[in-house]
Amino acid sequence: MKKFRILQVPPVRFGLVLGLVNGFIGMIVAPIMLVSLGAAATAADLNYAPKLLGIPWLFAGAASLFMPFIHALGGFIVGVVLAMIYNFAARWTGGIEIVLDDPAA
């Protein structure tokens, strides 16, 4: 068994990975958001919104269309910030120590 320490995480690479994961989560959330927002907007008694043009569903569709991109961008930003915070904290604490099994030994 060998001990390793994670002393530094590259912020941009970590941001890209977290952005990709959150983009996929946004693709899963988008249809749920489309149905729930559209149903809520249709059920609401909106006298000022013309229902002939399907305006409530238009807003729900636009929100669900951009949801994967919003999630990916937010994931990238959060990933970069988290990696920078970890790198700053790892200087003082020595990083995270992990123990890996060496199958060759």
C-alpha atoms as a PDB file:
ATOM      1  CA  MET A   1       0.000   0.000   0.000  1.00  0.00           C
ATOM      2  CA  LYS A   2       1.296   3.394  -0.984  1.00  0.00           C
ATOM      3  CA  LYS A   3       0.296   6.763   0.389  1.00  0.00           C
ATOM      4  CA  PHE A   4      -0.121   9.700  -1.947  1.00  0.00           C
ATOM      5  CA  ARG A   5      -0.992  13.321  -1.303  1.00  0.00           C
ATOM      6  CA  ILE A   6      -3.070  15.521  -3.571  1.00  0.00           C
ATOM      7  CA  LEU A   7      -1.197  18.796  -3.258  1.00  0.00           C
ATOM      8  CA  GLN A   8      -2.630  20.683  -6.209  1.00  0.00           C
ATOM      9  CA  VAL A   9      -5.667  20.493  -8.485  1.00  0.00           C
ATOM     10  CA  PRO A  10      -5.511  22.297 -11.864  1.00  0.00           C
ATOM     11  CA  PRO A  11      -8.413  24.786 -11.687  1.00  0.00           C
ATOM     12  CA  VAL A  12      -9.295  24.995 -15.393  1.00  0.00           C
ATOM     13  CA  ARG A  13      -9.216  21.232 -15.897  1.00  0.00           C
ATOM     14  CA  PHE A  14     -11.307  20.653 -12.774  1.00  0.00           C
ATOM     15  CA  GLY A  15     -13.718  23.350 -13.969  1.00  0.00           C
ATOM     16  CA  LEU A  16     -14.059  21.640 -17.349  1.00  0.00           C
ATOM     17  CA  VAL A  17     -14.797  18.282 -15.757  1.00  0.00           C
ATOM     18  CA  LEU A  18     -17.335  19.740 -13.326  1.00  0.00           C
ATOM     19  CA  GLY A  19     -18.898  21.790 -16.128  1.00  0.00           C
ATOM     20  CA  LEU A  20     -19.304  18.671 -18.266  1.00  0.00           C
ATOM     21  CA  VAL A  21     -20.887  16.727 -15.411  1.00  0.00           C
ATOM     22  CA  ASN A  22     -23.255  19.584 -14.592  1.00  0.00           C
ATOM     23  CA  GLY A  23     -24.122  19.955 -18.281  1.00  0.00           C
ATOM     24  CA  PHE A  24     -25.288  16.346 -18.339  1.00  0.00           C
ATOM     25  CA  ILE A  25     -27.273  16.971 -15.168  1.00  0.00           C
ATOM     26  CA  GLY A  26     -28.843  19.956 -16.913  1.00  0.00           C
ATOM     27  CA  MET A  27     -29.860  17.692 -19.791  1.00  0.00           C
ATOM     28  CA  ILE A  28     -31.654  15.441 -17.304  1.00  0.00           C
ATOM     29  CA  VAL A  29     -33.286  18.364 -15.477  1.00  0.00           C
ATOM     30  CA  ALA A  30     -34.446  20.152 -18.675  1.00  0.00           C
ATOM     31  CA  PRO A  31     -37.402  17.880 -19.603  1.00  0.00           C
ATOM     32  CA  ILE A  32     -38.589  17.803 -15.995  1.00  0.00           C
ATOM     33  CA  MET A  33     -38.375  21.585 -15.883  1.00  0.00           C
ATOM     34  CA  LEU A  34     -40.214  21.911 -19.202  1.00  0.00           C
ATOM     35  CA  VAL A  35     -43.148  19.837 -18.050  1.00  0.00           C
ATOM     36  CA  SER A  36     -43.381  21.314 -14.559  1.00  0.00           C
ATOM     37  CA  LEU A  37     -42.985  24.972 -15.595  1.00  0.00           C
ATOM     38  CA  GLY A  38     -45.309  24.571 -18.556  1.00  0.00           C
ATOM     39  CA  ALA A  39     -47.982  22.851 -16.483  1.00  0.00           C
ATOM     40  CA  ALA A  40     -47.674  25.437 -13.717  1.00  0.00           C
ATOM     41  CA  ALA A  41     -47.871  28.327 -16.174  1.00  0.00           C
ATOM     42  CA  THR A  42     -50.871  26.791 -17.934  1.00  0.00           C
ATOM     43  CA  ALA A  43     -52.687  26.070 -14.676  1.00  0.00           C
ATOM     44  CA  ALA A  44     -52.110  29.589 -13.366  1.00  0.00           C
ATOM     45  CA  ASP A  45     -54.835  32.054 -14.165  1.00  0.00           C
ATOM     46  CA  LEU A  46     -52.813  34.588 -16.151  1.00  0.00           C
ATOM     47  CA  ASN A  47     -55.276  37.002 -17.660  1.00  0.00           C
ATOM     48  CA  TYR A  48     -52.540  39.234 -19.031  1.00  0.00           C
ATOM     49  CA  ALA A  49     -50.732  36.469 -20.963  1.00  0.00           C
ATOM     50  CA  PRO A  50     -52.311  35.585 -24.301  1.00  0.00           C
ATOM     51  CA  LYS A  51     -52.898  31.842 -24.169  1.00  0.00           C
ATOM     52  CA  LEU A  52     -53.522  31.573 -27.901  1.00  0.00           C
ATOM     53  CA  LEU A  53     -49.812  31.945 -28.647  1.00  0.00           C
ATOM     54  CA  GLY A  54     -48.754  29.504 -25.966  1.00  0.00           C
ATOM     55  CA  ILE A  55     -46.668  32.122 -24.191  1.00  0.00           C
ATOM     56  CA  PRO A  56     -46.351  30.201 -20.886  1.00  0.00           C
ATOM     57  CA  TRP A  57     -45.033  27.145 -22.726  1.00  0.00           C
ATOM     58  CA  LEU A  58     -42.699  29.373 -24.746  1.00  0.00           C
ATOM     59  CA  PHE A  59     -41.005  30.639 -21.582  1.00  0.00           C
ATOM     60  CA  ALA A  60     -40.802  27.127 -20.142  1.00  0.00           C
ATOM     61  CA  GLY A  61     -39.335  25.851 -23.428  1.00  0.00           C
ATOM     62  CA  ALA A  62     -36.725  28.584 -23.588  1.00  0.00           C
ATOM     63  CA  ALA A  63     -35.734  27.994 -19.965  1.00  0.00           C
ATOM     64  CA  SER A  64     -35.400  24.241 -20.493  1.00  0.00           C
ATOM     65  CA  LEU A  65     -33.520  24.728 -23.763  1.00  0.00           C
ATOM     66  CA  PHE A  66     -30.804  26.806 -22.106  1.00  0.00           C
ATOM     67  CA  MET A  67     -30.710  24.777 -18.870  1.00  0.00           C
ATOM     68  CA  PRO A  68     -27.815  22.469 -19.913  1.00  0.00           C
ATOM     69  CA  PHE A  69     -25.712  25.476 -20.919  1.00  0.00           C
ATOM     70  CA  ILE A  70     -26.517  27.326 -17.703  1.00  0.00           C
ATOM     71  CA  HIS A  71     -25.632  24.249 -15.653  1.00  0.00           C
ATOM     72  CA  ALA A  72     -22.383  23.737 -17.577  1.00  0.00           C
ATOM     73  CA  LEU A  73     -21.308  27.359 -17.178  1.00  0.00           C
ATOM     74  CA  GLY A  74     -22.172  27.358 -13.484  1.00  0.00           C
ATOM     75  CA  GLY A  75     -20.340  24.055 -12.997  1.00  0.00           C
ATOM     76  CA  PHE A  76     -17.246  25.432 -14.703  1.00  0.00           C
ATOM     77  CA  ILE A  77     -17.205  28.558 -12.550  1.00  0.00           C
ATOM     78  CA  VAL A  78     -17.827  26.622  -9.328  1.00  0.00           C
ATOM     79  CA  GLY A  79     -15.177  24.047 -10.304  1.00  0.00           C
ATOM     80  CA  VAL A  80     -12.523  26.692 -10.882  1.00  0.00           C
ATOM     81  CA  VAL A  81     -13.333  28.425  -7.597  1.00  0.00           C
ATOM     82  CA  LEU A  82     -13.348  25.144  -5.636  1.00  0.00           C
ATOM     83  CA  ALA A  83     -10.011  24.079  -7.107  1.00  0.00           C
ATOM     84  CA  MET A  84      -8.483  27.446  -6.213  1.00  0.00           C
ATOM     85  CA  ILE A  85      -9.799  27.172  -2.653  1.00  0.00           C
ATOM     86  CA  TYR A  86      -8.460  23.618  -2.383  1.00  0.00           C
ATOM     87  CA  ASN A  87      -5.031  24.664  -3.690  1.00  0.00           C
ATOM     88  CA  PHE A  88      -4.920  27.480  -1.153  1.00  0.00           C
ATOM     89  CA  ALA A  89      -5.955  25.199   1.726  1.00  0.00           C
ATOM     90  CA  ALA A  90      -3.602  22.385   0.639  1.00  0.00           C
ATOM     91  CA  ARG A  91      -0.601  24.668   1.151  1.00  0.00           C
ATOM     92  CA  TRP A  92      -1.386  24.924   4.849  1.00  0.00           C
ATOM     93  CA  THR A  93      -2.721  21.439   5.536  1.00  0.00           C
ATOM     94  CA  GLY A  94      -0.529  19.366   3.237  1.00  0.00           C
ATOM     95  CA  GLY A  95      -3.384  18.214   1.013  1.00  0.00           C
ATOM     96  CA  ILE A  96      -5.539  15.109   1.089  1.00  0.00           C
ATOM     97  CA  GLU A  97      -3.744  11.854   1.755  1.00  0.00           C
ATOM     98  CA  ILE A  98      -5.027   8.777  -0.067  1.00  0.00           C
ATOM     99  CA  VAL A  99      -3.881   5.193   0.236  1.00  0.00           C
ATOM    100  CA  LEU A 100      -3.750   3.093  -2.933  1.00  0.00           C
ATOM    101  CA  ASP A 101      -3.178  -0.621  -3.189  1.00  0.00           C
ATOM    102  CA  ASP A 102      -0.277  -1.650  -5.418  1.00  0.00           C
ATOM    103  CA  PRO A 103      -1.431  -4.779  -7.301  1.00  0.00           C
ATOM    104  CA  ALA A 104       2.089  -5.480  -8.659  1.00  0.00           C
ATOM    105  CA  ALA A 105       3.562  -5.921  -5.199  1.00  0.00           C
END
